[in-house]
N, C-alpha and C. Protein backbone atom coordinates (compact mmCIF):
# COMPACT_ATOMS: atom_id res chain seq x y z
N MET A 1 20.21 183.19 115.35
CA MET A 1 20.29 181.77 115.21
C MET A 1 19.99 181.34 113.76
N VAL A 2 19.00 181.98 113.15
CA VAL A 2 18.65 181.68 111.77
C VAL A 2 19.81 182.09 110.85
N LYS A 3 20.45 183.21 111.19
CA LYS A 3 21.58 183.68 110.41
C LYS A 3 22.72 182.65 110.43
N LEU A 4 22.99 182.11 111.57
CA LEU A 4 24.05 181.12 111.73
C LEU A 4 23.71 179.85 110.96
N LEU A 5 22.47 179.45 110.97
CA LEU A 5 22.02 178.27 110.26
C LEU A 5 22.12 178.49 108.74
N LEU A 6 21.75 179.65 108.26
CA LEU A 6 21.85 179.96 106.82
C LEU A 6 23.31 180.06 106.38
N THR A 7 24.16 180.61 107.22
CA THR A 7 25.59 180.69 106.91
C THR A 7 26.19 179.28 106.80
N GLY A 8 25.84 178.40 107.72
CA GLY A 8 26.32 177.01 107.69
C GLY A 8 25.84 176.29 106.45
N LEU A 9 24.57 176.50 106.09
CA LEU A 9 24.00 175.89 104.88
C LEU A 9 24.73 176.42 103.64
N TRP A 10 24.99 177.72 103.60
CA TRP A 10 25.71 178.34 102.47
C TRP A 10 27.11 177.74 102.33
N VAL A 11 27.83 177.60 103.44
CA VAL A 11 29.18 177.03 103.41
C VAL A 11 29.13 175.58 102.90
N CYS A 12 28.14 174.82 103.34
CA CYS A 12 28.02 173.42 102.88
C CYS A 12 27.76 173.36 101.37
N ILE A 13 26.88 174.21 100.85
CA ILE A 13 26.57 174.21 99.42
C ILE A 13 27.79 174.60 98.59
N VAL A 14 28.51 175.63 99.02
CA VAL A 14 29.70 176.07 98.30
C VAL A 14 30.78 174.98 98.32
N THR A 15 30.97 174.33 99.47
CA THR A 15 31.97 173.27 99.59
C THR A 15 31.61 172.09 98.70
N LEU A 16 30.35 171.66 98.75
CA LEU A 16 29.92 170.55 97.90
C LEU A 16 30.07 170.89 96.42
N GLY A 17 29.72 172.10 96.05
CA GLY A 17 29.87 172.53 94.65
C GLY A 17 31.33 172.52 94.22
N ALA A 18 32.22 173.02 95.07
CA ALA A 18 33.65 173.05 94.75
C ALA A 18 34.21 171.64 94.61
N VAL A 19 33.82 170.75 95.51
CA VAL A 19 34.29 169.36 95.45
C VAL A 19 33.77 168.69 94.18
N TYR A 20 32.49 168.90 93.86
CA TYR A 20 31.90 168.30 92.67
C TYR A 20 32.65 168.74 91.40
N PHE A 21 32.86 170.05 91.26
CA PHE A 21 33.54 170.55 90.07
C PHE A 21 35.01 170.14 90.01
N SER A 22 35.68 170.05 91.14
CA SER A 22 37.09 169.62 91.12
C SER A 22 37.18 168.15 90.73
N VAL A 23 36.24 167.31 91.18
CA VAL A 23 36.24 165.90 90.78
C VAL A 23 35.94 165.79 89.28
N GLN A 24 35.00 166.57 88.78
CA GLN A 24 34.67 166.54 87.36
C GLN A 24 35.86 166.96 86.50
N MET A 25 36.56 167.96 86.93
CA MET A 25 37.71 168.46 86.16
C MET A 25 38.87 167.46 86.18
N SER A 26 39.10 166.80 87.32
CA SER A 26 40.21 165.85 87.39
C SER A 26 39.88 164.55 86.66
N ALA A 27 38.60 164.23 86.52
CA ALA A 27 38.19 163.01 85.84
C ALA A 27 38.12 163.20 84.33
N ALA A 28 38.26 164.42 83.86
CA ALA A 28 38.21 164.68 82.42
C ALA A 28 39.38 163.96 81.77
N PRO A 29 39.16 163.33 80.62
CA PRO A 29 40.24 162.60 79.97
C PRO A 29 41.38 163.54 79.57
N ALA A 30 42.59 163.07 79.85
CA ALA A 30 43.77 163.85 79.48
C ALA A 30 43.90 163.84 77.96
N PRO A 31 44.41 164.92 77.39
CA PRO A 31 44.59 164.93 75.94
C PRO A 31 45.57 163.82 75.54
N VAL A 32 45.20 163.08 74.51
CA VAL A 32 45.99 161.95 74.06
C VAL A 32 47.12 162.44 73.16
N ASP A 33 48.32 162.08 73.53
CA ASP A 33 49.48 162.41 72.71
C ASP A 33 49.60 161.32 71.64
N GLU A 34 49.25 161.68 70.41
CA GLU A 34 49.21 160.70 69.32
C GLU A 34 50.58 160.06 69.08
N GLU A 35 51.64 160.84 69.17
CA GLU A 35 52.98 160.31 68.93
C GLU A 35 53.35 159.28 69.99
N ALA A 36 53.05 159.55 71.26
CA ALA A 36 53.34 158.61 72.33
C ALA A 36 52.50 157.35 72.18
N ARG A 37 51.25 157.51 71.81
CA ARG A 37 50.37 156.35 71.61
C ARG A 37 50.86 155.48 70.46
N ARG A 38 51.31 156.12 69.39
CA ARG A 38 51.82 155.38 68.23
C ARG A 38 53.07 154.59 68.60
N LYS A 39 53.95 155.22 69.40
CA LYS A 39 55.19 154.55 69.79
C LYS A 39 54.94 153.38 70.73
N GLU A 40 53.87 153.44 71.51
CA GLU A 40 53.53 152.32 72.39
C GLU A 40 53.15 151.09 71.59
N LEU A 41 52.65 151.28 70.39
CA LEU A 41 52.23 150.16 69.55
C LEU A 41 53.38 149.58 68.73
N LEU A 42 54.54 150.23 68.79
CA LEU A 42 55.67 149.80 67.98
C LEU A 42 56.77 149.18 68.83
N GLU A 43 57.55 148.31 68.20
CA GLU A 43 58.69 147.67 68.85
C GLU A 43 59.92 147.85 67.98
N LEU A 44 61.05 148.08 68.62
CA LEU A 44 62.30 148.24 67.90
C LEU A 44 62.85 146.87 67.54
N VAL A 45 63.17 146.67 66.27
CA VAL A 45 63.82 145.45 65.81
C VAL A 45 65.16 145.89 65.25
N ARG A 46 66.22 145.54 65.98
CA ARG A 46 67.56 145.98 65.60
C ARG A 46 68.08 145.17 64.42
N GLY A 47 68.65 145.87 63.47
CA GLY A 47 69.31 145.22 62.36
C GLY A 47 70.76 144.97 62.72
N GLU A 48 71.41 144.14 61.94
CA GLU A 48 72.82 143.85 62.17
C GLU A 48 73.68 144.68 61.21
N SER A 49 74.94 144.80 61.55
CA SER A 49 75.87 145.47 60.64
C SER A 49 76.08 144.59 59.42
N ILE A 50 75.97 145.19 58.26
CA ILE A 50 76.07 144.45 57.01
C ILE A 50 77.12 145.13 56.14
N THR A 51 77.95 144.32 55.51
CA THR A 51 78.96 144.81 54.58
C THR A 51 78.57 144.35 53.19
N ILE A 52 78.43 145.31 52.28
CA ILE A 52 78.00 145.01 50.91
C ILE A 52 79.11 145.44 49.97
N PRO A 53 79.65 144.49 49.19
CA PRO A 53 80.73 144.87 48.26
C PRO A 53 80.19 145.69 47.08
N MET A 54 80.98 146.65 46.65
CA MET A 54 80.66 147.46 45.47
C MET A 54 81.52 146.91 44.33
N ILE A 55 80.86 146.43 43.30
CA ILE A 55 81.57 145.79 42.19
C ILE A 55 81.47 146.67 40.96
N ALA A 56 82.62 146.93 40.33
CA ALA A 56 82.67 147.69 39.08
C ALA A 56 83.70 147.05 38.18
N ASP A 57 83.37 146.86 36.94
CA ASP A 57 84.26 146.25 35.94
C ASP A 57 84.77 144.88 36.41
N GLY A 58 83.90 144.12 37.05
CA GLY A 58 84.25 142.76 37.47
C GLY A 58 85.17 142.68 38.68
N ALA A 59 85.41 143.79 39.36
CA ALA A 59 86.28 143.77 40.54
C ALA A 59 85.62 144.55 41.68
N ILE A 60 85.98 144.17 42.89
CA ILE A 60 85.46 144.88 44.06
C ILE A 60 86.23 146.18 44.20
N THR A 61 85.49 147.28 44.26
CA THR A 61 86.12 148.60 44.39
C THR A 61 86.01 149.15 45.80
N GLY A 62 85.13 148.58 46.59
CA GLY A 62 84.96 149.05 47.96
C GLY A 62 83.77 148.36 48.60
N TYR A 63 83.40 148.85 49.79
CA TYR A 63 82.33 148.22 50.54
C TYR A 63 81.42 149.28 51.16
N PHE A 64 80.13 149.00 51.13
CA PHE A 64 79.16 149.78 51.89
C PHE A 64 79.04 149.12 53.25
N LEU A 65 79.14 149.90 54.30
CA LEU A 65 78.96 149.42 55.67
C LEU A 65 77.63 150.00 56.15
N SER A 66 76.72 149.13 56.52
CA SER A 66 75.41 149.64 56.88
C SER A 66 74.82 148.92 58.09
N ARG A 67 73.93 149.62 58.74
CA ARG A 67 73.12 149.05 59.82
C ARG A 67 71.79 149.77 59.77
N VAL A 68 70.73 148.97 59.57
CA VAL A 68 69.38 149.51 59.46
C VAL A 68 68.51 148.78 60.47
N SER A 69 67.77 149.53 61.29
CA SER A 69 66.84 148.97 62.26
C SER A 69 65.43 149.42 61.90
N PHE A 70 64.45 148.80 62.55
CA PHE A 70 63.06 149.04 62.19
C PHE A 70 62.19 149.22 63.42
N MET A 71 61.19 150.07 63.28
CA MET A 71 60.11 150.17 64.26
C MET A 71 58.95 149.42 63.62
N MET A 72 58.54 148.30 64.29
CA MET A 72 57.52 147.43 63.72
C MET A 72 56.32 147.31 64.65
N ASP A 73 55.19 147.00 64.09
CA ASP A 73 53.94 146.82 64.83
C ASP A 73 54.08 145.62 65.77
N LYS A 74 53.92 145.86 67.08
CA LYS A 74 54.10 144.80 68.09
C LYS A 74 53.16 143.63 67.87
N GLU A 75 51.92 143.92 67.58
CA GLU A 75 50.92 142.85 67.42
C GLU A 75 51.23 141.97 66.22
N LYS A 76 51.70 142.56 65.14
CA LYS A 76 51.93 141.80 63.91
C LYS A 76 53.19 140.95 63.97
N ILE A 77 54.17 141.33 64.82
CA ILE A 77 55.40 140.54 64.88
C ILE A 77 55.44 139.60 66.07
N LYS A 78 54.38 139.57 66.88
CA LYS A 78 54.36 138.75 68.10
C LYS A 78 54.74 137.30 67.84
N ASN A 79 54.06 136.67 66.92
CA ASN A 79 54.28 135.24 66.66
C ASN A 79 55.00 135.00 65.34
N THR A 80 55.74 135.98 64.91
CA THR A 80 56.45 135.87 63.64
C THR A 80 57.94 135.80 63.87
N LYS A 81 58.58 134.89 63.19
CA LYS A 81 60.04 134.81 63.25
C LYS A 81 60.54 135.40 61.93
N LEU A 82 61.08 136.59 62.01
CA LEU A 82 61.50 137.30 60.80
C LEU A 82 62.97 137.06 60.49
N PRO A 83 63.28 136.75 59.26
CA PRO A 83 64.70 136.68 58.88
C PRO A 83 65.19 138.09 58.53
N ILE A 84 65.21 138.95 59.54
CA ILE A 84 65.43 140.37 59.32
C ILE A 84 66.78 140.65 58.66
N THR A 85 67.82 139.93 59.07
CA THR A 85 69.15 140.18 58.50
C THR A 85 69.17 139.87 57.01
N GLU A 86 68.61 138.74 56.64
CA GLU A 86 68.61 138.35 55.23
C GLU A 86 67.77 139.31 54.40
N LEU A 87 66.61 139.69 54.91
CA LEU A 87 65.76 140.63 54.19
C LEU A 87 66.43 141.99 54.05
N THR A 88 67.08 142.43 55.11
CA THR A 88 67.79 143.71 55.06
C THR A 88 68.92 143.66 54.05
N THR A 89 69.68 142.59 54.09
CA THR A 89 70.80 142.44 53.15
C THR A 89 70.30 142.46 51.71
N ASP A 90 69.24 141.72 51.44
CA ASP A 90 68.67 141.67 50.09
C ASP A 90 68.22 143.05 49.65
N GLN A 91 67.50 143.74 50.52
CA GLN A 91 66.98 145.06 50.16
C GLN A 91 68.12 146.06 49.96
N LEU A 92 69.13 146.01 50.81
CA LEU A 92 70.24 146.95 50.67
C LEU A 92 71.05 146.67 49.41
N PHE A 93 71.25 145.39 49.08
CA PHE A 93 71.92 145.05 47.81
C PHE A 93 71.14 145.65 46.65
N THR A 94 69.83 145.47 46.67
CA THR A 94 68.99 145.98 45.58
C THR A 94 69.11 147.49 45.45
N LEU A 95 69.03 148.19 46.58
CA LEU A 95 69.04 149.65 46.52
C LEU A 95 70.42 150.23 46.24
N LEU A 96 71.45 149.66 46.88
CA LEU A 96 72.78 150.25 46.76
C LEU A 96 73.52 149.79 45.50
N ILE A 97 73.30 148.56 45.10
CA ILE A 97 74.01 148.04 43.94
C ILE A 97 73.11 148.01 42.72
N GLY A 98 71.93 147.39 42.86
CA GLY A 98 71.01 147.24 41.73
C GLY A 98 70.48 148.56 41.22
N ASN A 99 69.93 149.38 42.11
CA ASN A 99 69.36 150.67 41.71
C ASN A 99 70.39 151.79 41.78
N GLN A 100 71.50 151.53 42.39
CA GLN A 100 72.57 152.52 42.57
C GLN A 100 72.03 153.85 43.09
N MET A 101 71.38 153.77 44.25
CA MET A 101 70.84 154.99 44.87
C MET A 101 71.95 155.91 45.35
N VAL A 102 73.14 155.35 45.57
CA VAL A 102 74.27 156.15 46.04
C VAL A 102 75.23 156.34 44.89
N ASP A 103 75.42 157.57 44.50
CA ASP A 103 76.41 157.91 43.48
C ASP A 103 77.60 158.48 44.23
N LEU A 104 78.69 157.70 44.30
CA LEU A 104 79.84 158.10 45.10
C LEU A 104 80.53 159.35 44.55
N SER A 105 80.29 159.66 43.29
CA SER A 105 80.90 160.87 42.72
C SER A 105 80.11 162.12 43.15
N LYS A 106 78.87 161.93 43.66
CA LYS A 106 78.04 163.03 44.13
C LYS A 106 77.54 162.70 45.53
N PRO A 107 78.38 162.86 46.56
CA PRO A 107 77.96 162.46 47.91
C PRO A 107 76.77 163.22 48.46
N GLY A 108 76.52 164.42 48.02
CA GLY A 108 75.40 165.21 48.53
C GLY A 108 74.08 164.89 47.86
N ALA A 109 74.10 164.07 46.83
CA ALA A 109 72.89 163.79 46.06
C ALA A 109 72.06 162.65 46.64
N PHE A 110 72.52 162.01 47.69
CA PHE A 110 71.81 160.87 48.27
C PHE A 110 70.52 161.34 48.94
N ASN A 111 69.40 160.70 48.61
CA ASN A 111 68.10 161.06 49.16
C ASN A 111 67.73 160.04 50.24
N LEU A 112 67.95 160.41 51.50
CA LEU A 112 67.72 159.50 52.62
C LEU A 112 66.25 159.11 52.74
N GLU A 113 65.35 160.06 52.55
CA GLU A 113 63.91 159.75 52.68
C GLU A 113 63.46 158.76 51.61
N LYS A 114 63.96 158.91 50.41
CA LYS A 114 63.61 157.98 49.33
C LYS A 114 64.16 156.58 49.66
N PHE A 115 65.36 156.54 50.22
CA PHE A 115 66.00 155.29 50.62
C PHE A 115 65.16 154.60 51.70
N ARG A 116 64.77 155.33 52.74
CA ARG A 116 63.94 154.77 53.82
C ARG A 116 62.59 154.29 53.30
N THR A 117 61.96 155.13 52.50
CA THR A 117 60.64 154.78 51.96
C THR A 117 60.72 153.53 51.10
N SER A 118 61.76 153.42 50.31
CA SER A 118 61.93 152.26 49.46
C SER A 118 62.10 150.98 50.28
N ILE A 119 62.90 151.04 51.35
CA ILE A 119 63.08 149.88 52.23
C ILE A 119 61.75 149.53 52.90
N LYS A 120 61.07 150.53 53.44
CA LYS A 120 59.80 150.31 54.14
C LYS A 120 58.76 149.70 53.21
N ASP A 121 58.61 150.26 52.02
CA ASP A 121 57.61 149.75 51.08
C ASP A 121 57.91 148.32 50.66
N ASP A 122 59.17 148.02 50.40
CA ASP A 122 59.54 146.67 49.98
C ASP A 122 59.29 145.67 51.10
N PHE A 123 59.68 146.02 52.33
CA PHE A 123 59.45 145.12 53.47
C PHE A 123 57.96 144.90 53.69
N ASN A 124 57.17 145.96 53.62
CA ASN A 124 55.74 145.81 53.83
C ASN A 124 55.09 144.99 52.71
N LYS A 125 55.63 145.09 51.51
CA LYS A 125 55.12 144.28 50.40
C LYS A 125 55.43 142.80 50.63
N LYS A 126 56.63 142.51 51.13
CA LYS A 126 57.04 141.12 51.35
C LYS A 126 56.43 140.52 52.62
N LEU A 127 56.31 141.31 53.68
CA LEU A 127 55.94 140.77 54.99
C LEU A 127 54.51 141.06 55.42
N GLY A 128 53.85 141.95 54.77
CA GLY A 128 52.49 142.31 55.17
C GLY A 128 52.40 143.81 55.41
N ASP A 129 51.35 144.38 54.88
CA ASP A 129 51.20 145.83 54.96
C ASP A 129 51.10 146.31 56.40
N GLY A 130 51.81 147.35 56.71
CA GLY A 130 51.74 147.95 58.04
C GLY A 130 52.68 147.35 59.05
N LEU A 131 53.46 146.34 58.68
CA LEU A 131 54.38 145.72 59.64
C LEU A 131 55.50 146.68 60.00
N VAL A 132 56.14 147.25 59.00
CA VAL A 132 57.22 148.20 59.24
C VAL A 132 56.64 149.61 59.25
N ALA A 133 56.76 150.26 60.39
CA ALA A 133 56.23 151.62 60.52
C ALA A 133 57.28 152.67 60.22
N GLU A 134 58.53 152.35 60.56
CA GLU A 134 59.60 153.34 60.40
C GLU A 134 60.93 152.61 60.17
N VAL A 135 61.76 153.17 59.32
CA VAL A 135 63.09 152.63 59.04
C VAL A 135 64.10 153.58 59.65
N LEU A 136 65.00 153.03 60.48
CA LEU A 136 66.03 153.84 61.14
C LEU A 136 67.38 153.46 60.56
N VAL A 137 67.99 154.38 59.84
CA VAL A 137 69.32 154.14 59.26
C VAL A 137 70.35 154.57 60.30
N GLU A 138 71.00 153.58 60.91
CA GLU A 138 72.00 153.87 61.94
C GLU A 138 73.35 154.18 61.31
N GLN A 139 73.66 153.48 60.21
CA GLN A 139 74.97 153.67 59.59
C GLN A 139 74.85 153.38 58.11
N LEU A 140 75.47 154.21 57.29
CA LEU A 140 75.64 153.95 55.87
C LEU A 140 76.90 154.68 55.46
N ASP A 141 77.97 153.89 55.35
CA ASP A 141 79.28 154.43 55.00
C ASP A 141 79.83 153.68 53.80
N TYR A 142 80.82 154.28 53.15
CA TYR A 142 81.51 153.62 52.05
C TYR A 142 83.00 153.62 52.35
N LEU A 143 83.60 152.46 52.22
CA LEU A 143 85.03 152.30 52.45
C LEU A 143 85.63 151.74 51.16
N SER A 144 86.51 152.53 50.52
CA SER A 144 87.09 152.08 49.26
C SER A 144 88.17 151.03 49.51
N LYS A 145 88.52 150.32 48.46
CA LYS A 145 89.55 149.29 48.57
C LYS A 145 90.89 149.91 48.99
N GLU A 146 91.15 151.13 48.53
CA GLU A 146 92.39 151.82 48.90
C GLU A 146 92.39 152.17 50.39
N ASP A 147 91.24 152.60 50.89
CA ASP A 147 91.13 152.90 52.32
C ASP A 147 91.43 151.65 53.16
N ILE A 148 90.93 150.53 52.71
CA ILE A 148 91.16 149.27 53.43
C ILE A 148 92.64 148.91 53.41
N ARG A 149 93.27 149.07 52.25
CA ARG A 149 94.71 148.78 52.15
C ARG A 149 95.53 149.71 53.03
N ASN A 150 95.17 151.00 53.02
CA ASN A 150 95.90 151.96 53.86
C ASN A 150 95.73 151.65 55.34
N ASN A 151 94.53 151.27 55.74
CA ASN A 151 94.29 150.91 57.14
C ASN A 151 95.10 149.68 57.53
N ALA A 152 95.16 148.70 56.64
CA ALA A 152 95.92 147.48 56.92
C ALA A 152 97.42 147.76 56.97
N SER A 153 97.90 148.65 56.10
CA SER A 153 99.34 148.95 56.09
C SER A 153 99.77 149.71 57.34
N ARG A 154 98.84 150.42 57.97
CA ARG A 154 99.14 151.13 59.22
C ARG A 154 98.87 150.26 60.44
N GLY A 155 98.57 149.00 60.19
CA GLY A 155 98.29 148.11 61.31
C GLY A 155 96.98 148.47 62.00
N ASN A 156 96.06 149.05 61.25
CA ASN A 156 94.76 149.49 61.77
C ASN A 156 94.87 150.51 62.89
N LYS A 157 96.01 151.23 62.96
CA LYS A 157 96.14 152.33 63.91
C LYS A 157 95.67 153.59 63.20
N ASN A 158 94.82 154.34 63.84
CA ASN A 158 94.20 155.53 63.24
C ASN A 158 93.58 155.20 61.89
N PRO A 159 92.63 154.26 61.88
CA PRO A 159 92.05 153.86 60.60
C PRO A 159 91.20 154.96 59.98
N ASN A 160 91.18 154.97 58.67
CA ASN A 160 90.33 155.88 57.92
C ASN A 160 88.91 155.32 57.98
N PRO A 161 87.95 156.07 58.53
CA PRO A 161 86.60 155.54 58.66
C PRO A 161 85.83 155.45 57.35
N GLY A 162 86.38 155.97 56.27
CA GLY A 162 85.69 155.92 55.00
C GLY A 162 84.82 157.14 54.78
N LYS A 163 83.98 157.08 53.76
CA LYS A 163 83.09 158.18 53.39
C LYS A 163 81.73 157.96 54.03
N LYS A 164 81.34 158.88 54.89
CA LYS A 164 80.04 158.78 55.56
C LYS A 164 78.97 159.26 54.60
N ILE A 165 78.05 158.35 54.24
CA ILE A 165 76.97 158.70 53.33
C ILE A 165 75.79 159.25 54.11
N VAL A 166 75.51 158.64 55.28
CA VAL A 166 74.42 159.07 56.14
C VAL A 166 74.94 159.19 57.56
N GLU A 167 74.63 160.31 58.20
CA GLU A 167 74.91 160.45 59.63
C GLU A 167 73.77 159.76 60.33
N GLY A 168 74.02 158.55 60.82
CA GLY A 168 72.97 157.69 61.35
C GLY A 168 72.34 158.18 62.63
N VAL A 169 71.18 157.60 62.92
CA VAL A 169 70.47 157.89 64.16
C VAL A 169 71.04 157.01 65.27
N LYS A 170 71.04 157.54 66.48
CA LYS A 170 71.49 156.78 67.64
C LYS A 170 70.28 156.08 68.24
N ILE A 171 70.39 154.78 68.39
CA ILE A 171 69.31 154.01 69.00
C ILE A 171 69.76 153.63 70.38
N GLU A 172 68.97 154.03 71.38
CA GLU A 172 69.37 153.85 72.76
C GLU A 172 68.76 152.63 73.42
N ASP A 173 67.93 151.87 72.71
CA ASP A 173 67.30 150.69 73.28
C ASP A 173 68.32 149.55 73.25
N PRO A 174 68.95 149.20 74.40
CA PRO A 174 70.02 148.21 74.40
C PRO A 174 69.55 146.78 74.28
N LYS A 175 68.26 146.50 74.55
CA LYS A 175 67.80 145.12 74.51
C LYS A 175 67.66 144.66 73.07
N ALA A 176 68.01 143.41 72.83
CA ALA A 176 67.83 142.82 71.52
C ALA A 176 66.40 142.33 71.43
N SER A 177 65.77 142.60 70.35
CA SER A 177 64.38 142.22 70.19
C SER A 177 64.29 140.73 69.90
N PRO A 178 63.36 139.99 70.53
CA PRO A 178 63.22 138.59 70.25
C PRO A 178 62.71 138.34 68.84
N ALA A 179 62.11 139.35 68.22
CA ALA A 179 61.59 139.18 66.88
C ALA A 179 62.66 139.40 65.82
N ALA A 180 63.87 139.71 66.24
CA ALA A 180 64.93 140.01 65.27
C ALA A 180 65.43 138.77 64.58
N GLY A 181 65.01 137.57 65.01
CA GLY A 181 65.39 136.36 64.31
C GLY A 181 66.75 135.86 64.70
N HIS A 182 67.22 136.13 65.89
CA HIS A 182 68.54 135.67 66.31
C HIS A 182 68.40 134.35 67.03
């Protein structure tokens, strides 16, 4: 009888110990994924397609076709109405025409990271530090005046897409951000 009582007591202690340790292990904080946490704090602000003329010797020689979107701090853009299109256009004019970051005679010489960093730094300087976390270049192409004429002469059938400067990122977020200023 004493043996049966000790066996029952042993089973109870082992069961309670196992339950205690399993609860402790399941309650342990899960490792925090820093990248996922960072993305939760950001919001996608879609840019619009922008056409920037390339001027040389007083005449238009072609056009840059671009679309740049941004990952911005949700808290900082909550109550802000950003003129994102105008700011993007201004910055792209400065970089593509003013600073001539793209040398069309050397298509492989374009530095995408320097381009993104320059846009991000300028936006953060104008709008407040830390607002723009990431710059997403969706499209950056060049279409010469001759390409446009050839496309028009063919009735825009099988149009020449121009010179791709950057193979853009695909953005899958279909919703338009209310902070985009539309």
